[in-house]
Protein backbone atom coordinates (compact mmCIF):
# COMPACT_ATOMS: atom_id res chain seq x y z
CA MET A 1 -0.14 -0.11 -0.08
CA THR A 2 1.40 3.19 -1.39
CA ARG A 3 1.74 6.49 1.43
CA TYR A 4 -0.91 9.04 1.13
CA SER A 5 -1.13 12.59 1.09
CA LEU A 6 -3.09 13.96 3.98
CA ASP A 7 -6.03 14.97 1.24
CA LEU A 8 -6.98 11.45 0.34
CA SER A 9 -10.16 10.73 -1.12
CA PHE A 10 -12.26 8.00 -0.58
CA GLU A 11 -12.47 7.13 -3.78
CA ASP A 12 -8.65 7.37 -4.26
CA PHE A 13 -8.56 4.86 -0.93
CA LYS A 14 -10.61 2.43 -2.46
CA LYS A 15 -8.83 2.00 -5.38
CA SER A 16 -5.53 1.73 -3.73
CA LEU A 17 -7.35 -1.45 -1.04
CA SER A 18 -5.89 -4.94 -2.58
CA PRO A 19 -7.46 -8.08 -0.81
CA ASP A 20 -4.22 -9.11 0.34
CA ASP A 21 -3.47 -5.64 2.42
CA PHE A 22 -3.64 -6.43 6.15
CA LEU A 23 -5.85 -4.81 8.60
CA THR A 24 -4.86 -4.55 12.24
CA THR A 25 -6.91 -2.62 14.79
CA VAL A 26 -4.93 -0.05 16.79
CA PRO A 27 -4.69 0.33 20.62
CA GLY A 28 -5.60 2.06 23.39
CA LEU A 29 -8.71 3.73 21.66
CA TYR A 30 -11.23 5.61 23.63
CA PHE A 31 -14.38 4.98 23.73
CA SER A 32 -17.82 6.84 24.85
CA PRO A 33 -21.27 5.37 24.08
CA ARG A 34 -24.14 8.01 24.33
CA SER A 35 -27.55 7.92 23.34
CA GLY A 36 -27.49 5.25 20.93
CA ARG A 37 -24.03 6.24 19.45
CA VAL A 38 -20.27 5.79 20.18
CA LEU A 39 -17.56 8.29 20.20
CA ILE A 40 -14.12 6.98 19.74
CA VAL A 41 -10.97 8.73 20.12
CA GLU A 42 -7.21 7.85 19.16
CA PRO A 43 -5.38 9.92 21.22
CA GLU A 44 -1.95 9.83 19.87
CA SER A 45 -3.13 11.55 16.40
CA ALA A 46 -5.91 13.77 18.06
CA SER A 47 -8.52 11.75 15.86
CA TRP A 48 -12.26 10.74 16.76
CA LEU A 49 -15.55 9.52 15.06
CA VAL A 50 -18.92 9.50 15.84
CA VAL A 51 -20.31 5.74 14.88
CA PRO A 52 -24.04 4.73 15.49
CA GLN A 53 -24.06 1.70 17.99
CA LYS A 54 -25.30 -0.32 15.35
CA GLU A 55 -22.72 0.04 13.35
CA PHE A 56 -20.09 0.37 16.02
CA GLY A 57 -21.52 -3.43 17.06
CA TYR A 58 -20.71 -4.58 13.71
CA LEU A 59 -17.15 -3.15 13.48
CA VAL A 60 -16.49 -4.66 17.11
CA GLU A 61 -17.77 -8.15 15.17
CA CYS A 62 -15.51 -7.69 11.82
CA GLY A 63 -12.68 -7.44 14.43
CA LEU A 64 -11.85 -3.68 13.08
CA LEU A 65 -12.44 -2.02 16.50
CA ALA A 66 -11.47 -4.07 19.94
CA PRO A 67 -13.25 -1.83 22.23
CA GLY A 68 -11.53 -2.54 26.37
CA SER A 69 -8.34 -4.50 25.22
CA GLU A 70 -4.58 -3.51 24.50
CA ALA A 71 -4.13 -6.34 21.79
CA ARG A 72 -4.09 -5.65 17.96
CA SER A 73 -6.16 -7.76 15.82
CA SER A 74 -5.00 -8.20 12.61
CA GLN A 75 -6.44 -10.02 9.47
CA LYS A 76 -6.12 -10.01 5.39
CA LEU A 77 -8.61 -7.88 3.58
CA GLY A 78 -10.13 -10.82 2.04
CA ASP A 79 -10.81 -13.11 4.49
CA LEU A 80 -12.58 -10.04 5.87
CA LEU A 81 -14.82 -9.42 2.85
CA SER A 82 -15.20 -12.80 2.65
CA GLY A 83 -16.43 -14.11 6.33
CA LYS A 84 -18.71 -13.04 8.22
CA PRO A 85 -21.69 -14.29 6.29
CA GLY A 86 -24.36 -13.28 8.61
CA LEU A 87 -23.03 -9.88 8.80
CA ASP A 88 -25.48 -7.08 7.72
CA PRO A 89 -25.48 -6.82 4.04
CA ASP A 90 -26.41 -2.82 4.35
CA PHE A 91 -23.27 -2.60 6.75
CA LYS A 92 -21.28 -5.30 4.54
CA ALA A 93 -22.02 -2.79 1.32
CA GLU A 94 -20.87 0.14 3.09
CA LEU A 95 -17.70 -1.99 4.74
CA ASP A 96 -15.21 0.25 2.64
CA ARG A 97 -16.22 3.76 3.64
CA TRP A 98 -15.73 2.34 7.59
CA LEU A 99 -12.22 1.06 6.47
CA TYR A 100 -11.79 5.31 4.86
CA ARG A 101 -13.50 6.58 8.18
CA LEU A 102 -10.80 4.16 10.98
CA PHE A 103 -7.91 4.45 8.36
CA VAL A 104 -7.93 8.40 8.41
CA GLY A 105 -8.76 8.38 11.92
CA ASN A 106 -5.74 6.50 12.70
CA MET A 107 -7.90 4.16 14.32
CA LEU A 108 -7.00 1.10 11.68
CA ALA A 109 -3.67 0.46 10.35
CA ILE A 110 -2.68 -1.11 6.74
CA ASN A 111 -0.17 -3.04 6.16
CA GLY A 112 1.19 -1.46 9.36
CA TYR A 113 1.02 1.88 8.17
CA GLY A 114 -0.86 4.32 10.43
CA TYR A 115 -2.43 7.28 8.45
CA HIS A 116 -0.93 10.02 10.86
CA GLN A 117 3.10 9.35 10.75
CA PRO A 118 4.46 10.29 14.15
CA SER A 119 7.25 12.44 12.61
CA ARG A 120 4.15 14.83 10.41
CA LEU A 121 2.01 15.64 13.65
CA TRP A 122 3.35 18.14 16.26
CA ALA A 123 6.09 20.07 14.78
CA VAL A 124 7.09 22.64 17.46
CA GLN A 125 8.57 25.96 16.17
CA LYS A 126 12.22 26.54 17.31
CA TYR A 127 12.19 30.33 17.83
CA PRO A 128 10.26 32.81 19.05
CA HIS A 129 7.93 35.42 16.97
CA TYR A 130 6.37 36.88 19.93
CA PHE A 131 8.50 38.81 22.54
CA ASN A 132 6.61 40.18 25.57
CA LEU A 133 8.26 43.25 27.48
CA HIS A 134 7.13 44.12 30.87
CA LEU A 135 7.97 47.89 31.03
CA THR A 136 6.67 47.99 34.52
CA GLU A 137 5.13 45.94 37.27
CA SER A 138 3.51 49.26 38.59
CA CYS A 139 0.01 49.35 38.15
CA ASN A 140 -2.92 52.07 38.85
CA LEU A 141 -4.83 49.58 39.89
CA ALA A 142 -4.49 46.41 42.67
CA CYS A 143 -6.88 43.59 40.94
CA ARG A 144 -7.30 41.10 43.77
CA TYR A 145 -6.05 38.27 40.92
CA CYS A 146 -2.84 40.00 39.83
CA ARG A 147 -0.15 38.33 38.97
CA VAL A 148 2.20 40.38 40.74
CA GLY A 149 1.09 39.53 44.09
CA ASP A 150 1.65 41.85 47.30
CA SER A 151 4.49 43.20 46.72
CA PRO A 152 4.47 46.46 47.57
CA GLY A 153 5.29 48.99 44.46
CA PRO A 154 6.37 51.33 43.09
CA PHE A 155 8.17 49.58 40.83
CA ALA A 156 10.97 50.21 38.71
CA LEU A 157 10.47 51.42 34.86
CA MET A 158 11.90 49.77 32.12
CA PRO A 159 14.72 52.25 30.77
CA VAL A 160 13.91 53.76 26.99
CA GLU A 161 17.43 51.91 26.18
CA THR A 162 17.20 48.81 27.77
CA CYS A 163 14.00 48.40 25.94
CA LYS A 164 15.75 49.45 22.50
CA LYS A 165 18.28 46.86 23.14
CA ILE A 166 15.60 43.96 23.40
CA ILE A 167 13.96 45.01 20.37
CA ARG A 168 16.90 45.49 17.96
CA ARG A 169 18.35 42.16 19.70
CA VAL A 170 15.34 40.11 19.00
CA VAL A 171 14.85 41.52 15.30
CA GLU A 172 18.32 41.20 14.28
CA GLU A 173 18.80 37.98 16.33
CA ILE A 174 15.82 35.46 15.88
CA PRO A 175 15.26 33.77 12.77
CA GLY A 176 11.76 34.67 11.30
CA THR A 177 10.32 37.33 9.13
CA LYS A 178 7.56 38.29 11.34
CA ILE A 179 7.80 39.69 14.82
CA ILE A 180 5.19 40.86 17.72
CA ILE A 181 6.33 43.31 20.47
CA GLY A 182 4.26 43.08 22.99
CA PHE A 183 3.98 46.26 25.93
CA HIS A 184 3.07 44.81 29.13
CA GLY A 185 3.40 44.66 32.13
CA GLY A 186 1.83 45.88 35.50
CA GLU A 187 0.49 48.81 33.29
CA PRO A 188 2.71 49.45 30.37
CA LEU A 189 1.08 53.18 30.33
CA LEU A 190 2.69 54.16 33.14
CA ASN A 191 5.89 54.16 30.78
CA PRO A 192 4.84 56.12 28.17
CA GLU A 193 8.32 56.94 26.73
CA ALA A 194 9.32 53.36 26.67
CA ILE A 195 6.39 52.67 24.49
CA VAL A 196 6.89 56.09 22.32
CA GLU A 197 10.53 55.22 21.46
CA GLY A 198 10.14 51.82 21.36
CA SER A 199 7.73 51.71 18.63
CA ARG A 200 9.08 54.17 16.60
CA TYR A 201 12.69 51.96 17.27
CA ALA A 202 10.89 49.13 16.33
CA ARG A 203 9.38 50.23 13.12
CA GLU A 204 13.21 51.77 12.09
CA VAL A 205 14.96 48.31 12.81
CA ALA A 206 12.32 46.11 11.46
CA ARG A 207 12.82 47.94 8.55
CA SER A 208 16.28 47.52 8.20
CA ALA A 209 16.31 44.47 8.43
CA GLY A 210 13.44 43.37 6.16
CA LYS A 211 11.22 41.92 8.93
CA GLU A 212 7.78 42.45 9.49
CA VAL A 213 6.99 43.97 12.99
CA THR A 214 3.37 44.10 15.17
CA LEU A 215 2.92 46.25 18.06
CA SER A 216 0.60 45.66 20.82
CA LEU A 217 -0.31 46.34 23.84
CA GLN A 218 -2.76 45.28 27.08
CA THR A 219 -3.65 47.88 29.19
CA ASN A 220 -5.99 48.09 32.41
CA GLY A 221 -8.04 50.98 30.54
CA VAL A 222 -7.82 53.43 32.75
CA LEU A 223 -5.01 55.52 30.78
CA LEU A 224 -7.02 55.43 27.40
CA ARG A 225 -8.39 58.92 27.83
CA LYS A 226 -5.00 60.25 27.78
CA TYR A 227 -3.19 57.94 25.28
CA SER A 228 -5.40 57.21 22.79
CA GLN A 229 -4.28 58.97 20.05
CA LEU A 230 -1.06 59.08 20.55
CA LEU A 231 -1.58 54.77 20.13
CA LYS A 232 -3.33 55.52 16.99
CA GLU A 233 -0.34 57.29 15.50
CA LEU A 234 2.00 54.83 16.85
CA ASN A 235 -0.44 52.21 15.13
CA ILE A 236 -0.41 49.66 17.94
CA GLU A 237 -2.93 47.10 18.51
CA VAL A 238 -4.48 47.95 22.29
CA GLY A 239 -6.50 45.17 24.14
CA VAL A 240 -8.28 46.58 27.15
CA SER A 241 -9.09 44.25 30.27
CA ILE A 242 -12.48 44.21 31.28
CA ASP A 243 -14.61 41.74 33.29
CA GLY A 244 -18.36 42.50 32.25
CA PRO A 245 -20.49 44.97 33.51
CA ALA A 246 -19.94 47.03 36.47
CA ALA A 247 -21.57 44.63 39.48
CA ILE A 248 -19.01 42.01 38.35
CA HIS A 249 -15.86 44.16 36.96
CA ASN A 250 -16.09 45.98 40.16
CA ARG A 251 -15.52 42.99 42.13
CA HIS A 252 -12.17 42.23 41.65
CA ARG A 253 -11.11 44.93 38.98
CA VAL A 254 -10.28 47.43 41.91
CA PHE A 255 -7.97 50.47 42.97
CA GLY A 256 -5.97 50.21 45.91
CA SER A 257 -8.63 51.59 47.99
CA GLY A 258 -10.89 48.48 47.00
CA ARG A 259 -12.85 50.93 44.76
CA GLY A 260 -13.97 49.78 41.37
CA SER A 261 -12.37 50.80 38.01
CA PHE A 262 -15.69 50.14 35.61
CA ASP A 263 -16.21 53.67 35.02
CA GLU A 264 -12.81 54.76 34.35
CA VAL A 265 -12.26 51.59 32.26
CA MET A 266 -15.78 52.96 30.25
CA ASP A 267 -14.63 55.76 29.76
CA GLY A 268 -11.01 54.70 28.37
CA ILE A 269 -12.97 52.66 26.11
CA GLN A 270 -14.85 55.65 24.46
CA ALA A 271 -12.09 57.33 24.42
CA ALA A 272 -10.26 54.73 22.31
CA ARG A 273 -13.16 54.29 19.64
CA GLN A 274 -12.89 58.41 19.18
CA ALA A 275 -9.46 57.83 18.58
CA GLY A 276 -9.87 55.51 15.69
CA LEU A 277 -8.54 52.51 17.65
CA ASN A 278 -10.62 49.18 17.49
CA PRO A 279 -9.25 47.98 21.12
CA GLY A 280 -9.92 43.79 21.75
CA TYR A 281 -11.26 42.88 24.92
CA LEU A 282 -10.44 40.63 27.77
CA ALA A 283 -12.07 39.36 30.92
CA VAL A 284 -11.15 37.14 33.69
CA ILE A 285 -13.74 35.17 35.40
CA HIS A 286 -13.17 33.54 38.58
CA ASP A 287 -17.05 32.61 39.25
CA PRO A 288 -18.26 29.88 36.51
CA GLY A 289 -21.40 31.45 37.00
CA ASP A 290 -20.39 34.99 35.34
CA TYR A 291 -19.38 33.47 31.88
CA LEU A 292 -22.65 34.30 30.55
CA PRO A 293 -23.65 37.76 32.06
CA VAL A 294 -20.27 38.72 30.81
CA ALA A 295 -20.62 37.54 27.29
CA ARG A 296 -23.70 39.26 26.71
CA PHE A 297 -22.41 42.43 28.33
CA MET A 298 -19.21 42.34 26.04
CA VAL A 299 -21.80 41.84 22.77
CA GLU A 300 -24.63 43.88 23.76
CA THR A 301 -22.70 46.74 25.70
CA LEU A 302 -19.44 47.06 24.07
CA GLY A 303 -20.44 45.88 20.42
CA ALA A 304 -18.28 43.20 20.29
CA THR A 305 -18.05 40.19 18.22
CA SER A 306 -14.53 39.14 19.39
CA PHE A 307 -13.30 38.57 22.83
CA ARG A 308 -11.45 36.40 25.02
CA LEU A 309 -13.03 35.18 28.72
CA ASN A 310 -10.02 33.52 30.85
CA PHE A 311 -10.51 31.86 34.52
CA SER A 312 -8.55 33.18 37.22
CA CYS A 313 -5.69 31.17 38.28
CA TYR A 314 -3.47 30.53 41.56
CA GLU A 315 -1.38 32.32 41.27
CA GLY A 316 0.46 36.11 42.73
CA ARG A 317 -2.11 38.19 44.49
CA ALA A 318 -5.00 35.41 43.98
CA LYS A 319 -3.77 33.03 46.36
CA SER A 320 -4.61 35.29 49.24
CA GLU A 321 -6.90 37.32 48.04
CA LEU A 322 -9.93 34.62 46.71
CA ASP A 323 -10.93 31.15 47.09
CA PHE A 324 -10.15 28.63 44.92
CA ASP A 325 -12.41 25.41 45.09
CA PRO A 326 -10.76 22.41 44.52
CA THR A 327 -13.48 21.11 42.34
CA ARG A 328 -13.79 24.56 40.40
CA ALA A 329 -13.01 22.53 36.89
CA ALA A 330 -16.18 21.21 36.77
CA ALA A 331 -18.33 24.47 37.04
CA PHE A 332 -16.02 25.74 35.23
CA ALA A 333 -16.80 23.37 32.26
CA ARG A 334 -20.18 23.07 33.02
CA ASN A 335 -20.89 26.94 32.81
CA TRP A 336 -18.33 28.01 29.92
CA LEU A 337 -20.43 25.17 27.65
CA GLN A 338 -23.18 27.16 27.77
CA LEU A 339 -21.04 30.01 25.80
CA LEU A 340 -21.36 27.95 22.80
CA ASP A 341 -25.65 27.80 22.70
CA PHE A 342 -25.33 31.57 23.68
CA VAL A 343 -23.35 31.90 20.19
CA LEU A 344 -25.50 29.62 18.22
CA GLU A 345 -28.45 31.78 19.12
CA HIS A 346 -26.53 35.03 18.19
CA HIS A 347 -26.37 33.83 14.70
CA ARG A 348 -29.77 32.89 14.33
CA GLN A 349 -30.46 36.23 15.02
CA THR A 350 -27.80 38.00 13.94
CA GLY A 351 -26.21 35.77 10.99
CA ILE A 352 -22.86 36.58 12.83
CA TRP A 353 -20.48 34.11 14.29
CA LEU A 354 -19.42 35.75 17.41
CA SER A 355 -15.18 34.76 18.25
CA ILE A 356 -14.81 33.48 21.56
CA ASP A 357 -11.38 32.66 22.75
CA ASP A 358 -10.76 29.37 23.52
CA LEU A 359 -14.10 28.60 22.03
CA ASN A 360 -13.35 28.85 18.66
CA LEU A 361 -9.26 27.69 19.39
CA PHE A 362 -10.88 24.15 20.67
CA VAL A 363 -13.34 23.93 17.80
CA ALA A 364 -10.38 24.66 15.37
CA HIS A 365 -8.64 22.03 17.62
CA LEU A 366 -11.57 19.10 16.68
CA LEU A 367 -10.97 19.99 12.98
CA THR A 368 -7.02 20.12 12.34
CA LYS A 369 -3.87 18.77 13.86
CA ASP A 370 -2.44 22.26 13.59
CA ARG A 371 -2.07 24.37 17.50
CA PRO A 372 -1.98 28.06 16.32
CA HIS A 373 -1.97 29.03 19.76
CA MET A 374 1.04 28.53 21.48
CA CYS A 375 -0.62 27.42 24.96
CA TYR A 376 -2.09 24.16 23.53
CA ARG A 377 1.00 22.76 22.36
CA SER A 378 3.24 20.20 23.78
CA PRO A 379 5.38 21.36 25.10
CA CYS A 380 3.56 24.60 25.51
CA GLY A 381 5.06 27.76 23.49
CA ALA A 382 7.57 28.82 26.52
CA GLY A 383 10.82 29.49 24.86
CA ASN A 384 9.61 28.47 21.30
CA ALA A 385 6.86 31.02 20.56
CA ILE A 386 7.49 33.65 23.48
CA LEU A 387 10.07 34.90 25.52
CA GLY A 388 9.54 37.49 27.73
CA PHE A 389 11.80 40.26 29.33
CA GLY A 390 11.15 41.68 32.73
CA ALA A 391 11.85 45.75 33.48
CA ASP A 392 15.24 45.13 34.41
CA GLY A 393 16.33 43.69 30.95
CA LYS A 394 16.00 40.20 32.13
CA ILE A 395 14.68 37.13 29.68
CA TYR A 396 12.48 34.70 31.08
CA LEU A 397 10.72 31.75 28.88
CA CYS A 398 7.42 33.41 28.73
CA GLU A 399 5.61 36.47 29.91
CA GLU A 400 3.89 34.94 32.68
CA LEU A 401 7.09 33.81 34.04
CA VAL A 402 8.53 37.03 34.23
CA GLY A 403 9.74 37.78 38.01
CA LYS A 404 10.58 33.89 38.45
CA ASP A 405 14.33 32.92 38.81
CA GLN A 406 13.92 29.23 37.53
CA PHE A 407 12.97 30.55 34.24
CA CYS A 408 15.20 33.29 33.94
CA LEU A 409 17.78 32.54 31.16
CA GLY A 410 19.91 35.52 31.45
CA ASP A 411 19.71 39.26 30.62
CA ILE A 412 20.01 41.37 27.41
CA GLU A 413 23.14 43.37 28.44
CA THR A 414 25.22 40.25 28.86
CA ALA A 415 23.33 37.31 26.92
CA PRO A 416 24.52 35.60 23.99
CA PRO A 417 23.54 36.28 20.52
CA LEU A 418 19.68 34.80 21.37
CA HIS A 419 19.28 31.95 18.91
CA ARG A 420 22.21 30.92 20.72
CA LEU A 421 20.97 31.54 23.79
CA LEU A 422 18.09 29.57 23.66
CA ASP A 423 20.01 26.74 21.73
CA GLU A 424 22.47 26.27 24.41
CA SER A 425 20.20 26.98 27.59
CA ARG A 426 19.41 24.55 30.27
CA VAL A 427 16.36 25.72 31.75
CA HIS A 428 14.90 26.00 28.27
CA ALA A 429 16.06 22.79 27.90
CA ARG A 430 14.87 20.99 31.07
CA ALA A 431 11.65 23.18 31.04
CA SER A 432 10.92 21.76 27.04
CA GLU A 433 10.91 18.40 28.04
CA SER A 434 9.26 18.28 31.10
CA ARG A 435 6.27 19.70 29.35
CA ARG A 436 5.86 17.37 26.93
CA VAL A 437 2.47 15.43 27.77
CA GLU A 438 4.49 12.14 27.16
CA ASN A 439 6.29 13.48 30.19
CA VAL A 440 3.85 14.20 32.45
CA ALA A 441 2.63 10.78 34.63
CA ALA A 442 -0.90 12.23 34.91
CA CYS A 443 -1.21 13.24 31.04
CA ALA A 444 0.25 10.39 29.34
CA GLY A 445 -2.67 8.09 29.00
CA CYS A 446 -5.28 10.77 29.10
CA PRO A 447 -7.29 10.52 25.34
CA TRP A 448 -7.56 14.16 25.21
CA LYS A 449 -3.00 15.05 25.55
CA LYS A 450 -3.14 16.06 22.23
CA PHE A 451 -5.72 18.35 21.67
CA HIS A 452 -4.65 20.62 24.05
CA GLY A 453 -1.31 19.39 25.66
CA ALA A 454 -0.08 19.09 29.32
CA GLY A 455 -1.30 23.07 29.82
CA CYS A 456 0.36 26.02 31.02
CA LEU A 457 3.47 25.53 32.56
CA ASN A 458 3.14 28.55 34.68
CA LYS A 459 0.01 27.91 35.87
CA SER A 460 1.11 24.26 36.98
CA PHE A 461 4.15 25.30 39.16
CA GLU A 462 2.52 28.20 40.79
CA TYR A 463 -0.33 25.45 42.01
CA PHE A 464 2.09 22.91 42.80
CA GLY A 465 5.62 23.67 42.52
CA ASP A 466 7.25 21.80 39.71
CA LEU A 467 6.89 20.88 36.55
CA GLU A 468 5.67 17.53 36.36
CA HIS A 469 2.51 17.86 37.10
CA ARG A 470 -0.76 18.21 35.00
CA ASP A 471 -2.80 22.17 34.14
CA PRO A 472 -4.58 22.14 37.65
CA MET A 473 -7.59 22.98 35.19
CA CYS A 474 -7.38 19.43 33.74
CA HIS A 475 -10.98 18.20 34.39
CA PHE A 476 -12.19 20.95 32.56
CA TYR A 477 -10.30 20.16 29.42
CA ARG A 478 -11.40 16.37 29.78
CA VAL A 479 -15.12 17.65 29.86
CA ILE A 480 -14.72 20.10 27.21
CA PHE A 481 -13.29 18.26 24.42
CA GLU A 482 -15.49 15.32 24.62
CA GLU A 483 -19.05 17.58 25.21
CA LEU A 484 -17.82 19.66 21.86
CA MET A 485 -17.43 15.99 20.04
CA TRP A 486 -20.77 15.66 20.77
CA LYS A 487 -22.12 19.26 19.87
CA LEU A 488 -20.62 19.37 16.58
CA THR A 489 -21.74 15.98 15.69
CA ASP A 490 -25.09 17.45 16.50
CA ASN A 491 -24.49 20.62 15.02
CA PRO A 492 -22.23 20.42 12.55
CA GLU A 493 -22.63 24.80 11.13
CA ILE A 494 -20.35 25.09 14.58
CA ILE A 495 -17.01 24.75 12.91
CA ASN A 496 -17.86 27.90 11.67
CA LEU A 497 -16.54 28.77 15.11
CA ILE A 498 -12.81 28.51 13.90
CA SER A 499 -12.96 32.09 13.07
CA TYR A 500 -10.02 33.77 12.54
CA TYR A 501 -7.61 30.58 12.95
CA LYS A 502 -8.96 29.47 9.61
CA LYS A 503 -6.06 31.44 8.19
CA TYR A 504 -3.70 29.49 10.62
CA ILE A 505 -4.92 26.03 10.26
CA ARG A 506 -5.22 23.43 7.42
CA VAL A 507 -8.71 21.33 7.95
CA GLN A 508 -7.73 18.11 6.59
CA ASN A 509 -10.46 16.02 4.47
CA GLU A 510 -11.33 13.50 7.39
CA TRP A 511 -13.68 15.80 9.39
CA PRO A 512 -15.31 13.07 11.51
CA VAL A 513 -18.76 14.10 12.19
CA VAL A 514 -21.32 11.04 10.52
CA MET A 515 -24.97 11.40 10.40
CA GLU A 516 -27.11 8.29 11.93
CA SER A 517 -27.61 6.77 8.63
CA GLY A 518 -23.42 6.39 8.14
CA GLU A 519 -23.47 9.75 5.60
CA SER A 520 -21.68 12.14 5.45
CA ARG A 521 -22.45 15.66 7.55
CA PRO A 522 -21.18 18.34 4.43
CA GLY A 523 -17.62 18.83 4.52
CA PRO A 524 -16.02 21.92 6.40
CA ASP A 525 -14.55 23.74 3.08
CA TYR A 526 -18.76 24.13 2.27
CA LEU A 527 -19.29 25.54 5.36
CA LEU A 528 -16.63 28.29 5.84
CA GLY A 529 -16.54 29.57 2.38
CA GLU A 530 -13.55 31.81 1.77
């Protein structure tokens, strides 16, 4: 049997079959029955298939599936086709289609060859493209879940020369033609000089190096009334952190006095819009019951069609100021899934598909082997997709790790060329190896390991104190991915939710949703259009 491209059609597959081909069941499949159907997941390739119970029984009877067993079953195709005289004739007539579905789902090997080869999957980029500069850890707010913690301020500002040196070195020393420079903190607008000088210098250096640079800034919004016009002139993409309506936002996004910041943030958003900026929005959810009211606020009050909802994490100030229920992952999953119904209803009423990270990202993960977001790779993007820089010029594997000595690679003043620093760093090598999903004991045998990896290095480290544990919200992801598979089976239009990730992924031909009748649903190219 010849090697196949990842665009293998059923017709080409059928033509290539020979009665002498050996069919081998793949061990380690995950089976989940529900409502007369069975969900099958092949963990190593993150492939999945929903099969009607009747057909599933026939596939087991034919020896093409072996639930509950790690043993491989092998047989000749010719023997299969000529055997089983009592097999349902309708199923037998469709057997070649089921062989195709199982093969492209990596659940069946032919002559020892699987459709997805390990060497073709889960490639990790070698060098970062996103460089996050903490211009200061100072902030004009005292949010109760802030990563910075309770250390008293004020913190130092990043000197302009340090900012420019970081920018020059990442542009000149890191391979790649497209670079993102992110201004972060603390509150980066407390250091406007570094933003102005750094932005202008970044464009100058990138132009000289023949590279493309994108500038972004994440702000709490309070200072946008003062700096929106400047950010527009500098052509900086702006993200604003706002946690929803006033009653929710003001619980945790507060000034040092404890007063809520909602009114000031809304004034900042209005100023940004008047200046011609089109800010993105990020909310942090601590109470899982807030998912829907926050989403409604984003859409109905802010008029947003794209936004991100992050759950709060056990780190920084949150450790002392907030409560974390050990069973919170289940509640977050249950409430998060309601966003899907919200998005579907919004589309029915308006014809517009909302883009809610990570909803659109997770739907994309069901349709492709690409993992465009660095936080859901194995290993994650720390050191290969992103680098973080402290205000003092120290270099870290990720912006979430800034200030943590265990993940410091050096400093911008004395570090060797950055590509060599990454190649030779023991800190980078250890973190990368430790966070491969196969090397995290709790993840190695998980059916969902290739859908989201071992999770965030920083969040695991904060919660458990080492690199050997899975993401503390692991149960959230386990629930989410299985439920999305069932929902996509029943609502194939959900694939439109991959939204802008369509630019970064390749939806492969084995889109695995199967109707009760056994006929394939319309394919993703038809539903997505251009």
